[in-house]
Amino acid sequence: MKVSIFTFESERTLGVKKEIENKFKARGITICDEFPNIVITIGGDGTVLKGVHHYQDRLDEIKFIGVHTGTLGYYTDWLPTEIDDLANFLKEQEFEIANYPLIKAVIHMKDGIKEAYALNEFTVLNATRAQHLDIKINDMFLESFRGTGVCVSTPTGSTAYNKSLGGAVIYPSIPAFQLTEMASINNNAYRTIGSPLVIPSEQTLTLESENWEGMALTQDHLSLDVSDLDNIRISLSDRKVKFIKRSKGLFWERVKNHFI
C-alpha cells in the first residue's frame, strides 16, 4: 500500500498531514507521492476536487479518502481526531469502494477538439450579456435558451452548485447527469422548459450558439480556454473516481445535516 497525502498549505492542514505521515509510517504504511494507490486529501470537497484533477491521468489506479477540515464534506469521511482509526481501517484492507462517475465534455473548436472531465460540474455562463444556447439531446433540438447560462452536473455534484440553482439532488449510484438553467429569460418572445433535466447515461447533451463572446466555461474549480468555440457535447463518462468509503448510507444523512 502506497499512500499520498494531498492538501493545500495552511498551518492546520500541514499539521494534520505531518500527524498522518508519522502514524502511518509507525504502522508500516508507505508514504509515496509519485505513484500512490491511495490518495488522502485534507480539507473540504474543494481539496478533493483538486486532488482528483491532480491525479486525473491515474484514476484507474488510485482510490481516494477525504479527511474533513473544511466547511462541507460530501466526499470526506474522516476527522483529524480520527487518524489512528483511519490508519487501522486501512491496515485491515476490508473496505467498500464507491465509484463516482465523471462527466465528459467534448469541446469542438474551430481548430480542433479537446476533452475535459469533471467530478462535480461544468458551467457555461456569461456575466456580460444574455447568452444564447441551442440545447439538443441526442441531436434532437429541445429549446433555445437565453439567460446567464447552464450548469451540467454529476450525481455527486448535484448537491453542489447545481442545488444552489434549484436543481434536483440525485443519489450517487443513479447513472445520469443533470442540466440546470441559470436565470433563464422567459417571456412572450423567449421560452425555456424552466425545470432541471435529468438525462440518462446513454444520451448526449449538445450546446450550440452563434455567438460565444463573453462566455466562460468552468470545469469544477477550473476555467477552460474556449476561444473559437463551435459547440460543446457533454455526456456521462465511463471513467469513475474511486473512493474508499467508511460506511454505507451516509449520503442522505449528509443531505439532512447540511441542508435541513
C-alpha atoms as a PDB file:
ATOM      1  CA  MET A   1       0.000   0.000   0.000  1.00  0.00           C
ATOM      2  CA  LYS A   2       1.410   3.366  -1.100  1.00  0.00           C
ATOM      3  CA  VAL A   3      -0.297   6.479   0.235  1.00  0.00           C
ATOM      4  CA  SER A   4      -0.010  10.092  -0.900  1.00  0.00           C
ATOM      5  CA  ILE A   5      -1.311  12.963   1.231  1.00  0.00           C
ATOM      6  CA  PHE A   6      -2.757  15.839  -0.799  1.00  0.00           C
ATOM      7  CA  THR A   7      -3.609  19.182   0.795  1.00  0.00           C
ATOM      8  CA  PHE A   8      -3.263  22.941   0.470  1.00  0.00           C
ATOM      9  CA  GLU A   9      -0.681  24.683   2.587  1.00  0.00           C
ATOM     10  CA  SER A  10      -2.129  26.046   5.798  1.00  0.00           C
ATOM     11  CA  GLU A  11      -0.859  25.664   9.331  1.00  0.00           C
ATOM     12  CA  ARG A  12      -3.744  23.402  10.299  1.00  0.00           C
ATOM     13  CA  THR A  13      -3.733  21.092   7.283  1.00  0.00           C
ATOM     14  CA  LEU A  14       0.061  20.751   7.253  1.00  0.00           C
ATOM     15  CA  GLY A  15      -0.098  19.772  10.919  1.00  0.00           C
ATOM     16  CA  VAL A  16      -2.682  17.075  10.138  1.00  0.00           C
ATOM     17  CA  LYS A  17      -0.537  15.907   7.221  1.00  0.00           C
ATOM     18  CA  LYS A  18       2.515  15.505   9.480  1.00  0.00           C
ATOM     19  CA  GLU A  19       0.478  13.561  12.021  1.00  0.00           C
ATOM     20  CA  ILE A  20      -0.824  11.208   9.323  1.00  0.00           C
ATOM     21  CA  GLU A  21       2.687  10.639   7.969  1.00  0.00           C
ATOM     22  CA  ASN A  22       4.090   9.807  11.401  1.00  0.00           C
ATOM     23  CA  LYS A  23       1.266   7.464  12.419  1.00  0.00           C
ATOM     24  CA  PHE A  24       1.125   5.717   9.056  1.00  0.00           C
ATOM     25  CA  LYS A  25       4.886   5.124   8.979  1.00  0.00           C
ATOM     26  CA  ALA A  26       4.697   3.695  12.508  1.00  0.00           C
ATOM     27  CA  ARG A  27       2.196   1.124  11.185  1.00  0.00           C
ATOM     28  CA  GLY A  28       4.276   0.233   8.143  1.00  0.00           C
ATOM     29  CA  ILE A  29       2.200   2.187   5.609  1.00  0.00           C
ATOM     30  CA  THR A  30       4.380   3.640   2.842  1.00  0.00           C
ATOM     31  CA  ILE A  31       4.116   7.356   2.035  1.00  0.00           C
ATOM     32  CA  CYS A  32       4.641   7.860  -1.718  1.00  0.00           C
ATOM     33  CA  ASP A  33       3.605  10.981  -3.657  1.00  0.00           C
ATOM     34  CA  GLU A  34       4.701   9.891  -7.125  1.00  0.00           C
ATOM     35  CA  PHE A  35       2.918   6.557  -7.666  1.00  0.00           C
ATOM     36  CA  PRO A  36       0.367   6.091  -4.860  1.00  0.00           C
ATOM     37  CA  ASN A  37      -2.546   3.692  -4.969  1.00  0.00           C
ATOM     38  CA  ILE A  38      -4.370   5.609  -2.215  1.00  0.00           C
ATOM     39  CA  VAL A  39      -4.627   9.416  -2.011  1.00  0.00           C
ATOM     40  CA  ILE A  40      -5.720  11.045   1.248  1.00  0.00           C
ATOM     41  CA  THR A  41      -6.972  14.609   0.852  1.00  0.00           C
ATOM     42  CA  ILE A  42      -7.015  17.003   3.807  1.00  0.00           C
ATOM     43  CA  GLY A  43      -9.514  19.862   3.620  1.00  0.00           C
ATOM     44  CA  GLY A  44     -13.016  20.037   2.210  1.00  0.00           C
ATOM     45  CA  ASP A  45     -14.639  18.965  -1.018  1.00  0.00           C
ATOM     46  CA  GLY A  46     -12.687  21.631  -2.907  1.00  0.00           C
ATOM     47  CA  THR A  47      -9.449  19.905  -1.919  1.00  0.00           C
ATOM     48  CA  VAL A  48     -10.875  16.583  -3.080  1.00  0.00           C
ATOM     49  CA  LEU A  49     -11.651  18.093  -6.497  1.00  0.00           C
ATOM     50  CA  LYS A  50      -8.121  19.464  -6.779  1.00  0.00           C
ATOM     51  CA  GLY A  51      -6.696  16.068  -5.818  1.00  0.00           C
ATOM     52  CA  VAL A  52      -8.807  14.272  -8.425  1.00  0.00           C
ATOM     53  CA  HIS A  53      -7.666  16.652 -11.170  1.00  0.00           C
ATOM     54  CA  HIS A  54      -4.048  16.435  -9.986  1.00  0.00           C
ATOM     55  CA  TYR A  55      -4.126  12.641 -10.421  1.00  0.00           C
ATOM     56  CA  GLN A  56      -6.552  12.572 -13.378  1.00  0.00           C
ATOM     57  CA  ASP A  57      -4.200  10.507 -15.542  1.00  0.00           C
ATOM     58  CA  ARG A  58      -4.074   7.697 -12.948  1.00  0.00           C
ATOM     59  CA  LEU A  59      -7.690   7.483 -11.774  1.00  0.00           C
ATOM     60  CA  ASP A  60      -7.951   3.805 -12.694  1.00  0.00           C
ATOM     61  CA  GLU A  61      -5.125   3.019 -10.265  1.00  0.00           C
ATOM     62  CA  ILE A  62      -5.992   5.304  -7.335  1.00  0.00           C
ATOM     63  CA  LYS A  63      -8.561   5.305  -4.539  1.00  0.00           C
ATOM     64  CA  PHE A  64      -9.349   8.481  -2.593  1.00  0.00           C
ATOM     65  CA  ILE A  65     -10.083   9.132   1.077  1.00  0.00           C
ATOM     66  CA  GLY A  66     -11.037  12.528   2.475  1.00  0.00           C
ATOM     67  CA  VAL A  67     -10.080  13.910   5.887  1.00  0.00           C
ATOM     68  CA  HIS A  68     -12.518  16.712   6.628  1.00  0.00           C
ATOM     69  CA  THR A  69     -11.299  20.121   7.808  1.00  0.00           C
ATOM     70  CA  GLY A  70     -13.434  22.288   5.524  1.00  0.00           C
ATOM     71  CA  THR A  71     -16.974  23.656   5.658  1.00  0.00           C
ATOM     72  CA  LEU A  72     -18.661  20.884   3.645  1.00  0.00           C
ATOM     73  CA  GLY A  73     -17.740  17.251   3.321  1.00  0.00           C
ATOM     74  CA  TYR A  74     -19.709  15.131   0.880  1.00  0.00           C
ATOM     75  CA  TYR A  75     -16.546  13.399  -0.309  1.00  0.00           C
ATOM     76  CA  THR A  76     -14.823  13.305   3.103  1.00  0.00           C
ATOM     77  CA  ASP A  77     -15.479  10.674   5.779  1.00  0.00           C
ATOM     78  CA  TRP A  78     -12.843  11.264   8.462  1.00  0.00           C
ATOM     79  CA  LEU A  79     -11.948  13.946  11.004  1.00  0.00           C
ATOM     80  CA  PRO A  80      -8.415  14.973  12.082  1.00  0.00           C
ATOM     81  CA  THR A  81      -9.153  13.473  15.524  1.00  0.00           C
ATOM     82  CA  GLU A  82      -9.608  10.018  13.929  1.00  0.00           C
ATOM     83  CA  ILE A  83      -6.182   9.478  12.351  1.00  0.00           C
ATOM     84  CA  ASP A  84      -5.440   6.389  14.477  1.00  0.00           C
ATOM     85  CA  ASP A  85      -8.775   4.857  13.457  1.00  0.00           C
ATOM     86  CA  LEU A  86      -8.075   5.691   9.803  1.00  0.00           C
ATOM     87  CA  ALA A  87      -4.655   4.013   9.919  1.00  0.00           C
ATOM     88  CA  ASN A  88      -6.153   0.867  11.475  1.00  0.00           C
ATOM     89  CA  PHE A  89      -9.007   0.934   8.948  1.00  0.00           C
ATOM     90  CA  LEU A  90      -6.556   0.958   6.030  1.00  0.00           C
ATOM     91  CA  LYS A  91      -4.356  -1.743   7.529  1.00  0.00           C
ATOM     92  CA  GLU A  92      -7.347  -4.101   7.691  1.00  0.00           C
ATOM     93  CA  GLN A  93      -7.957  -3.567   3.941  1.00  0.00           C
ATOM     94  CA  GLU A  94     -11.591  -4.664   4.196  1.00  0.00           C
ATOM     95  CA  PHE A  95     -13.234  -1.544   2.878  1.00  0.00           C
ATOM     96  CA  GLU A  96     -16.045  -0.727   0.462  1.00  0.00           C
ATOM     97  CA  ILE A  97     -15.301   1.144  -2.765  1.00  0.00           C
ATOM     98  CA  ALA A  98     -17.718   3.740  -4.121  1.00  0.00           C
ATOM     99  CA  ASN A  99     -17.367   4.575  -7.821  1.00  0.00           C
ATOM    100  CA  TYR A 100     -18.454   8.097  -8.721  1.00  0.00           C
ATOM    101  CA  PRO A 101     -18.785   8.893 -12.448  1.00  0.00           C
ATOM    102  CA  LEU A 102     -17.217  11.837 -14.210  1.00  0.00           C
ATOM    103  CA  ILE A 103     -18.958  13.837 -16.895  1.00  0.00           C
ATOM    104  CA  LYS A 104     -17.108  14.350 -20.153  1.00  0.00           C
ATOM    105  CA  ALA A 105     -17.161  17.455 -22.322  1.00  0.00           C
ATOM    106  CA  VAL A 106     -16.033  17.185 -25.933  1.00  0.00           C
ATOM    107  CA  ILE A 107     -15.258  20.772 -26.881  1.00  0.00           C
ATOM    108  CA  HIS A 108     -15.318  21.413 -30.614  1.00  0.00           C
ATOM    109  CA  MET A 109     -13.133  24.373 -31.567  1.00  0.00           C
ATOM    110  CA  LYS A 110     -12.569  25.906 -34.968  1.00  0.00           C
ATOM    111  CA  ASP A 111      -9.052  24.422 -34.980  1.00  0.00           C
ATOM    112  CA  GLY A 112      -9.664  21.052 -33.326  1.00  0.00           C
ATOM    113  CA  ILE A 113     -11.255  19.085 -30.499  1.00  0.00           C
ATOM    114  CA  LYS A 114     -10.323  18.783 -26.832  1.00  0.00           C
ATOM    115  CA  GLU A 115     -11.792  16.738 -23.983  1.00  0.00           C
ATOM    116  CA  ALA A 116     -12.327  17.662 -20.343  1.00  0.00           C
ATOM    117  CA  TYR A 117     -13.714  15.767 -17.344  1.00  0.00           C
ATOM    118  CA  ALA A 118     -15.491  16.994 -14.209  1.00  0.00           C
ATOM    119  CA  LEU A 119     -16.401  15.296 -10.940  1.00  0.00           C
ATOM    120  CA  ASN A 120     -18.932  17.963  -9.888  1.00  0.00           C
ATOM    121  CA  GLU A 121     -19.992  20.072 -12.861  1.00  0.00           C
ATOM    122  CA  PHE A 122     -19.363  22.055 -15.998  1.00  0.00           C
ATOM    123  CA  THR A 123     -20.888  25.518 -16.230  1.00  0.00           C
ATOM    124  CA  VAL A 124     -21.442  27.686 -19.290  1.00  0.00           C
ATOM    125  CA  LEU A 125     -22.145  31.254 -18.220  1.00  0.00           C
ATOM    126  CA  ASN A 126     -21.958  34.799 -19.445  1.00  0.00           C
ATOM    127  CA  ALA A 127     -21.664  37.686 -16.987  1.00  0.00           C
ATOM    128  CA  THR A 128     -21.715  40.435 -19.636  1.00  0.00           C
ATOM    129  CA  ARG A 129     -24.888  39.695 -21.596  1.00  0.00           C
ATOM    130  CA  ALA A 130     -27.678  37.148 -22.053  1.00  0.00           C
ATOM    131  CA  GLN A 131     -26.101  34.026 -23.507  1.00  0.00           C
ATOM    132  CA  HIS A 132     -27.997  32.256 -26.280  1.00  0.00           C
ATOM    133  CA  LEU A 133     -27.710  28.467 -26.365  1.00  0.00           C
ATOM    134  CA  ASP A 134     -29.404  25.955 -28.645  1.00  0.00           C
ATOM    135  CA  ILE A 135     -29.844  22.877 -26.462  1.00  0.00           C
ATOM    136  CA  LYS A 136     -30.026  19.451 -28.069  1.00  0.00           C
ATOM    137  CA  ILE A 137     -30.370  15.979 -26.554  1.00  0.00           C
ATOM    138  CA  ASN A 138     -29.130  13.158 -28.776  1.00  0.00           C
ATOM    139  CA  ASP A 139     -29.068  15.734 -31.626  1.00  0.00           C
ATOM    140  CA  MET A 140     -32.767  16.461 -31.166  1.00  0.00           C
ATOM    141  CA  PHE A 141     -33.380  20.198 -30.754  1.00  0.00           C
ATOM    142  CA  LEU A 142     -35.008  20.809 -27.356  1.00  0.00           C
ATOM    143  CA  GLU A 143     -35.028  24.550 -26.751  1.00  0.00           C
ATOM    144  CA  SER A 144     -33.416  27.891 -27.453  1.00  0.00           C
ATOM    145  CA  PHE A 145     -32.096  29.207 -24.150  1.00  0.00           C
ATOM    146  CA  ARG A 146     -31.373  32.831 -23.279  1.00  0.00           C
ATOM    147  CA  GLY A 147     -30.084  33.809 -19.878  1.00  0.00           C
ATOM    148  CA  THR A 148     -26.968  33.724 -17.716  1.00  0.00           C
ATOM    149  CA  GLY A 149     -26.073  30.133 -18.605  1.00  0.00           C
ATOM    150  CA  VAL A 150     -26.416  26.486 -17.627  1.00  0.00           C
ATOM    151  CA  CYS A 151     -24.873  24.037 -15.160  1.00  0.00           C
ATOM    152  CA  VAL A 152     -24.320  20.384 -16.103  1.00  0.00           C
ATOM    153  CA  SER A 153     -23.642  18.224 -13.052  1.00  0.00           C
ATOM    154  CA  THR A 154     -22.897  14.658 -11.996  1.00  0.00           C
ATOM    155  CA  PRO A 155     -24.966  12.831  -9.348  1.00  0.00           C
ATOM    156  CA  THR A 156     -22.390  13.660  -6.662  1.00  0.00           C
ATOM    157  CA  GLY A 157     -22.167  17.220  -7.970  1.00  0.00           C
ATOM    158  CA  SER A 158     -25.939  17.612  -7.663  1.00  0.00           C
ATOM    159  CA  THR A 159     -25.551  18.808  -4.053  1.00  0.00           C
ATOM    160  CA  ALA A 160     -23.034  21.500  -5.030  1.00  0.00           C
ATOM    161  CA  TYR A 161     -23.599  24.485  -7.357  1.00  0.00           C
ATOM    162  CA  ASN A 162     -26.459  22.619  -9.039  1.00  0.00           C
ATOM    163  CA  LYS A 163     -28.536  22.621  -5.853  1.00  0.00           C
ATOM    164  CA  SER A 164     -27.950  26.351  -5.350  1.00  0.00           C
ATOM    165  CA  LEU A 165     -29.524  26.845  -8.785  1.00  0.00           C
ATOM    166  CA  GLY A 166     -32.612  24.841  -7.817  1.00  0.00           C
ATOM    167  CA  GLY A 167     -31.502  21.557  -9.356  1.00  0.00           C
ATOM    168  CA  ALA A 168     -32.531  18.138  -8.101  1.00  0.00           C
ATOM    169  CA  VAL A 169     -30.458  16.108  -5.635  1.00  0.00           C
ATOM    170  CA  ILE A 170     -29.552  12.804  -7.328  1.00  0.00           C
ATOM    171  CA  TYR A 171     -28.418   9.712  -5.430  1.00  0.00           C
ATOM    172  CA  PRO A 172     -24.766   8.981  -6.359  1.00  0.00           C
ATOM    173  CA  SER A 173     -25.405   5.495  -7.780  1.00  0.00           C
ATOM    174  CA  ILE A 174     -28.007   6.653 -10.351  1.00  0.00           C
ATOM    175  CA  PRO A 175     -26.407   6.628 -13.849  1.00  0.00           C
ATOM    176  CA  ALA A 176     -27.483  10.057 -15.037  1.00  0.00           C
ATOM    177  CA  PHE A 177     -26.390  13.679 -15.263  1.00  0.00           C
ATOM    178  CA  GLN A 178     -28.314  16.921 -14.946  1.00  0.00           C
ATOM    179  CA  LEU A 179     -28.853  20.185 -16.818  1.00  0.00           C
ATOM    180  CA  THR A 180     -29.967  23.167 -14.715  1.00  0.00           C
ATOM    181  CA  GLU A 181     -30.622  26.660 -16.028  1.00  0.00           C
ATOM    182  CA  MET A 182     -29.151  29.884 -14.643  1.00  0.00           C
ATOM    183  CA  ALA A 183     -31.543  32.845 -14.743  1.00  0.00           C
ATOM    184  CA  SER A 184     -33.341  31.963 -17.982  1.00  0.00           C
ATOM    185  CA  ILE A 185     -35.369  34.635 -19.754  1.00  0.00           C
ATOM    186  CA  ASN A 186     -39.000  33.546 -20.046  1.00  0.00           C
ATOM    187  CA  ASN A 187     -41.462  35.920 -21.673  1.00  0.00           C
ATOM    188  CA  ASN A 188     -43.631  36.234 -24.819  1.00  0.00           C
ATOM    189  CA  ALA A 189     -40.518  36.257 -27.017  1.00  0.00           C
ATOM    190  CA  TYR A 190     -38.375  33.587 -25.317  1.00  0.00           C
ATOM    191  CA  ARG A 191     -39.411  30.400 -23.567  1.00  0.00           C
ATOM    192  CA  THR A 192     -37.497  27.506 -21.955  1.00  0.00           C
ATOM    193  CA  ILE A 193     -38.656  24.452 -20.044  1.00  0.00           C
ATOM    194  CA  GLY A 194     -37.518  26.141 -16.830  1.00  0.00           C
ATOM    195  CA  SER A 195     -37.001  22.876 -14.917  1.00  0.00           C
ATOM    196  CA  PRO A 196     -33.860  20.828 -14.244  1.00  0.00           C
ATOM    197  CA  LEU A 197     -33.460  17.956 -16.701  1.00  0.00           C
ATOM    198  CA  VAL A 198     -32.123  14.595 -15.523  1.00  0.00           C
ATOM    199  CA  ILE A 199     -30.525  12.946 -18.548  1.00  0.00           C
ATOM    200  CA  PRO A 200     -29.784   9.183 -18.691  1.00  0.00           C
ATOM    201  CA  SER A 201     -26.237   7.951 -19.154  1.00  0.00           C
ATOM    202  CA  GLU A 202     -26.734   6.742 -22.736  1.00  0.00           C
ATOM    203  CA  GLN A 203     -27.729  10.201 -24.018  1.00  0.00           C
ATOM    204  CA  THR A 204     -25.623  13.213 -25.024  1.00  0.00           C
ATOM    205  CA  LEU A 205     -26.269  16.889 -24.413  1.00  0.00           C
ATOM    206  CA  THR A 206     -25.138  19.401 -27.065  1.00  0.00           C
ATOM    207  CA  LEU A 207     -24.806  23.157 -26.530  1.00  0.00           C
ATOM    208  CA  GLU A 208     -24.513  25.397 -29.591  1.00  0.00           C
ATOM    209  CA  SER A 209     -24.527  29.152 -30.151  1.00  0.00           C
ATOM    210  CA  GLU A 210     -24.000  31.613 -32.975  1.00  0.00           C
ATOM    211  CA  ASN A 211     -22.117  33.937 -30.583  1.00  0.00           C
ATOM    212  CA  TRP A 212     -19.918  32.815 -27.684  1.00  0.00           C
ATOM    213  CA  GLU A 213     -18.460  36.258 -26.958  1.00  0.00           C
ATOM    214  CA  GLY A 214     -18.066  36.861 -23.208  1.00  0.00           C
ATOM    215  CA  MET A 215     -18.885  33.238 -22.323  1.00  0.00           C
ATOM    216  CA  ALA A 216     -16.897  31.387 -19.637  1.00  0.00           C
ATOM    217  CA  LEU A 217     -16.673  27.597 -19.376  1.00  0.00           C
ATOM    218  CA  THR A 218     -15.765  26.086 -15.999  1.00  0.00           C
ATOM    219  CA  GLN A 219     -14.724  22.553 -15.126  1.00  0.00           C
ATOM    220  CA  ASP A 220     -15.180  22.017 -11.381  1.00  0.00           C
ATOM    221  CA  HIS A 221     -12.850  24.657  -9.882  1.00  0.00           C
ATOM    222  CA  LEU A 222     -11.034  25.257 -13.188  1.00  0.00           C
ATOM    223  CA  SER A 223     -11.624  27.697 -16.039  1.00  0.00           C
ATOM    224  CA  LEU A 224     -11.227  26.401 -19.599  1.00  0.00           C
ATOM    225  CA  ASP A 225      -9.981  28.293 -22.656  1.00  0.00           C
ATOM    226  CA  VAL A 226     -12.803  28.328 -25.198  1.00  0.00           C
ATOM    227  CA  SER A 227     -11.601  30.755 -27.838  1.00  0.00           C
ATOM    228  CA  ASP A 228     -13.005  29.976 -31.308  1.00  0.00           C
ATOM    229  CA  LEU A 229     -15.624  27.646 -29.838  1.00  0.00           C
ATOM    230  CA  ASP A 230     -18.068  25.789 -32.108  1.00  0.00           C
ATOM    231  CA  ASN A 231     -20.094  23.533 -29.792  1.00  0.00           C
ATOM    232  CA  ILE A 232     -19.890  21.504 -26.574  1.00  0.00           C
ATOM    233  CA  ARG A 233     -21.073  17.898 -26.264  1.00  0.00           C
ATOM    234  CA  ILE A 234     -21.473  16.567 -22.717  1.00  0.00           C
ATOM    235  CA  SER A 235     -22.191  13.012 -21.582  1.00  0.00           C
ATOM    236  CA  LEU A 236     -21.746  10.771 -18.561  1.00  0.00           C
ATOM    237  CA  SER A 237     -18.292   9.234 -18.824  1.00  0.00           C
ATOM    238  CA  ASP A 238     -17.294   5.611 -18.319  1.00  0.00           C
ATOM    239  CA  ARG A 239     -14.411   6.957 -16.218  1.00  0.00           C
ATOM    240  CA  LYS A 240     -15.037   6.869 -12.483  1.00  0.00           C
ATOM    241  CA  VAL A 241     -13.336   8.151  -9.347  1.00  0.00           C
ATOM    242  CA  LYS A 242     -12.906   5.502  -6.654  1.00  0.00           C
ATOM    243  CA  PHE A 243     -13.495   6.459  -3.030  1.00  0.00           C
ATOM    244  CA  ILE A 244     -12.802   4.224  -0.042  1.00  0.00           C
ATOM    245  CA  LYS A 245     -15.989   4.543   1.995  1.00  0.00           C
ATOM    246  CA  ARG A 246     -16.125   4.393   5.748  1.00  0.00           C
ATOM    247  CA  SER A 247     -19.682   3.070   5.959  1.00  0.00           C
ATOM    248  CA  LYS A 248     -22.871   2.740   3.956  1.00  0.00           C
ATOM    249  CA  GLY A 249     -25.873   5.026   3.939  1.00  0.00           C
ATOM    250  CA  LEU A 250     -24.099   8.318   4.642  1.00  0.00           C
ATOM    251  CA  PHE A 251     -25.432  10.254   1.642  1.00  0.00           C
ATOM    252  CA  TRP A 252     -28.948  11.034   2.849  1.00  0.00           C
ATOM    253  CA  GLU A 253     -27.625  11.648   6.349  1.00  0.00           C
ATOM    254  CA  ARG A 254     -25.279  14.282   4.911  1.00  0.00           C
ATOM    255  CA  VAL A 255     -28.066  15.843   2.876  1.00  0.00           C
ATOM    256  CA  LYS A 256     -30.137  16.144   6.055  1.00  0.00           C
ATOM    257  CA  ASN A 257     -27.289  17.511   8.169  1.00  0.00           C
ATOM    258  CA  HIS A 258     -26.180  20.098   5.612  1.00  0.00           C
ATOM    259  CA  PHE A 259     -29.485  21.380   4.293  1.00  0.00           C
ATOM    260  CA  ILE A 260     -32.273  20.731   6.805  1.00  0.00           C
END
